[in-house]
Amino acid sequence: RARRLAERGILAVAAEYRLTDEARWPAHLHDVKACLRWLRASAGDLGVAPDQIALVGFSAGAHLALMASAPPGAPEFAGDGVGR
């Protein structure tokens, strides 16, 4: 799937996140959103378009990728990190 996205100019990213034994919910989601913020902020240096980034994953990673898009604007799910 990532290759198909790349063929369309979209950067596919499987974000790293802390597991439940390391941190409690919603820290996992905060990690994923921090990854997105860092990618968008660094897009110019990385040579990618900040609006052409897709999260991908399987199982819990797919769930977090989906959760990263909803609910927009909810500060309790945004976190404040810029990547780890």
C-alpha atoms as a PDB file:
ATOM      1  CA  ARG A   1       0.000   0.000   0.000  1.00  0.00           C
ATOM      2  CA  ALA A   2       2.788   2.397   0.814  1.00  0.00           C
ATOM      3  CA  ARG A   3       4.343   1.856  -2.603  1.00  0.00           C
ATOM      4  CA  ARG A   4       1.043   2.667  -4.313  1.00  0.00           C
ATOM      5  CA  LEU A   5       0.775   5.870  -2.324  1.00  0.00           C
ATOM      6  CA  ALA A   6       4.372   6.775  -3.188  1.00  0.00           C
ATOM      7  CA  GLU A   7       3.617   6.280  -6.875  1.00  0.00           C
ATOM      8  CA  ARG A   8       1.027   9.038  -6.445  1.00  0.00           C
ATOM      9  CA  GLY A   9       3.475  11.373  -4.686  1.00  0.00           C
ATOM     10  CA  ILE A  10       2.253  10.640  -1.169  1.00  0.00           C
ATOM     11  CA  LEU A  11       4.690   9.909   1.638  1.00  0.00           C
ATOM     12  CA  ALA A  12       3.451   6.895   3.633  1.00  0.00           C
ATOM     13  CA  VAL A  13       4.636   6.780   7.229  1.00  0.00           C
ATOM     14  CA  ALA A  14       4.241   4.160   9.930  1.00  0.00           C
ATOM     15  CA  ALA A  15       4.669   6.287  13.052  1.00  0.00           C
ATOM     16  CA  GLU A  16       6.435   4.884  16.076  1.00  0.00           C
ATOM     17  CA  TYR A  17       4.506   5.117  19.332  1.00  0.00           C
ATOM     18  CA  ARG A  18       4.820   4.055  22.943  1.00  0.00           C
ATOM     19  CA  LEU A  19       3.064   0.859  23.936  1.00  0.00           C
ATOM     20  CA  THR A  20       0.616   0.492  26.807  1.00  0.00           C
ATOM     21  CA  ASP A  21       3.291  -0.828  29.183  1.00  0.00           C
ATOM     22  CA  GLU A  22       5.258   2.407  28.592  1.00  0.00           C
ATOM     23  CA  ALA A  23       2.474   4.982  28.678  1.00  0.00           C
ATOM     24  CA  ARG A  24      -1.278   5.240  29.175  1.00  0.00           C
ATOM     25  CA  TRP A  25      -3.845   6.250  26.577  1.00  0.00           C
ATOM     26  CA  PRO A  26      -3.928   8.746  24.857  1.00  0.00           C
ATOM     27  CA  ALA A  27      -0.101   8.970  24.906  1.00  0.00           C
ATOM     28  CA  HIS A  28       0.043   6.553  21.950  1.00  0.00           C
ATOM     29  CA  LEU A  29      -2.069   8.917  19.890  1.00  0.00           C
ATOM     30  CA  HIS A  30      -0.018  11.897  21.085  1.00  0.00           C
ATOM     31  CA  ASP A  31       3.095  10.164  19.722  1.00  0.00           C
ATOM     32  CA  VAL A  32       1.499   9.635  16.308  1.00  0.00           C
ATOM     33  CA  LYS A  33       0.293  13.233  16.139  1.00  0.00           C
ATOM     34  CA  ALA A  34       3.734  14.472  17.202  1.00  0.00           C
ATOM     35  CA  CYS A  35       5.202  12.493  14.308  1.00  0.00           C
ATOM     36  CA  LEU A  36       2.797  14.188  11.909  1.00  0.00           C
ATOM     37  CA  ARG A  37       3.610  17.641  13.298  1.00  0.00           C
ATOM     38  CA  TRP A  38       7.319  16.970  12.917  1.00  0.00           C
ATOM     39  CA  LEU A  39       6.909  15.691   9.361  1.00  0.00           C
ATOM     40  CA  ARG A  40       4.854  18.707   8.354  1.00  0.00           C
ATOM     41  CA  ALA A  41       7.286  21.124   9.993  1.00  0.00           C
ATOM     42  CA  SER A  42      10.255  19.366   8.357  1.00  0.00           C
ATOM     43  CA  ALA A  43       8.616  18.763   4.969  1.00  0.00           C
ATOM     44  CA  GLY A  44      10.745  21.338   3.164  1.00  0.00           C
ATOM     45  CA  ASP A  45      14.001  19.873   4.479  1.00  0.00           C
ATOM     46  CA  LEU A  46      12.808  16.360   3.644  1.00  0.00           C
ATOM     47  CA  GLY A  47      11.644  17.277   0.146  1.00  0.00           C
ATOM     48  CA  VAL A  48       8.048  16.215   0.722  1.00  0.00           C
ATOM     49  CA  ALA A  49       4.779  18.106   0.428  1.00  0.00           C
ATOM     50  CA  PRO A  50       3.270  18.703   3.893  1.00  0.00           C
ATOM     51  CA  ASP A  51      -0.210  18.023   2.532  1.00  0.00           C
ATOM     52  CA  GLN A  52       0.844  14.737   0.902  1.00  0.00           C
ATOM     53  CA  ILE A  53       1.587  12.671   4.007  1.00  0.00           C
ATOM     54  CA  ALA A  54      -0.383   9.540   4.915  1.00  0.00           C
ATOM     55  CA  LEU A  55      -0.210   7.456   8.069  1.00  0.00           C
ATOM     56  CA  VAL A  56      -0.218   3.713   7.534  1.00  0.00           C
ATOM     57  CA  GLY A  57      -0.176   0.779   9.900  1.00  0.00           C
ATOM     58  CA  PHE A  58      -1.544  -2.593  10.797  1.00  0.00           C
ATOM     59  CA  SER A  59      -3.571  -3.617  13.810  1.00  0.00           C
ATOM     60  CA  ALA A  60      -2.989  -1.055  16.586  1.00  0.00           C
ATOM     61  CA  GLY A  61      -0.928   1.101  14.214  1.00  0.00           C
ATOM     62  CA  ALA A  62      -3.823   1.238  11.764  1.00  0.00           C
ATOM     63  CA  HIS A  63      -6.177   2.137  14.587  1.00  0.00           C
ATOM     64  CA  LEU A  64      -3.903   4.987  15.662  1.00  0.00           C
ATOM     65  CA  ALA A  65      -3.544   6.171  12.060  1.00  0.00           C
ATOM     66  CA  LEU A  66      -7.315   6.386  11.835  1.00  0.00           C
ATOM     67  CA  MET A  67      -7.664   8.021  15.249  1.00  0.00           C
ATOM     68  CA  ALA A  68      -5.112  10.686  14.278  1.00  0.00           C
ATOM     69  CA  SER A  69      -7.676  12.134  11.886  1.00  0.00           C
ATOM     70  CA  ALA A  70     -10.535  12.297  14.376  1.00  0.00           C
ATOM     71  CA  PRO A  71     -11.677  14.226  16.262  1.00  0.00           C
ATOM     72  CA  PRO A  72      -9.995  17.268  14.745  1.00  0.00           C
ATOM     73  CA  GLY A  73      -9.328  20.123  17.110  1.00  0.00           C
ATOM     74  CA  ALA A  74      -9.758  18.116  20.326  1.00  0.00           C
ATOM     75  CA  PRO A  75      -6.820  19.261  22.473  1.00  0.00           C
ATOM     76  CA  GLU A  76      -6.942  16.221  24.774  1.00  0.00           C
ATOM     77  CA  PHE A  77      -5.990  14.052  21.806  1.00  0.00           C
ATOM     78  CA  ALA A  78      -3.420  16.402  20.228  1.00  0.00           C
ATOM     79  CA  GLY A  79      -0.592  16.219  22.749  1.00  0.00           C
ATOM     80  CA  ASP A  80       2.153  18.822  22.756  1.00  0.00           C
ATOM     81  CA  GLY A  81       5.226  16.951  21.572  1.00  0.00           C
ATOM     82  CA  VAL A  82       7.043  17.540  18.324  1.00  0.00           C
ATOM     83  CA  GLY A  83       8.454  14.057  17.936  1.00  0.00           C
ATOM     84  CA  ARG A  84      10.724  11.841  19.938  1.00  0.00           C
END
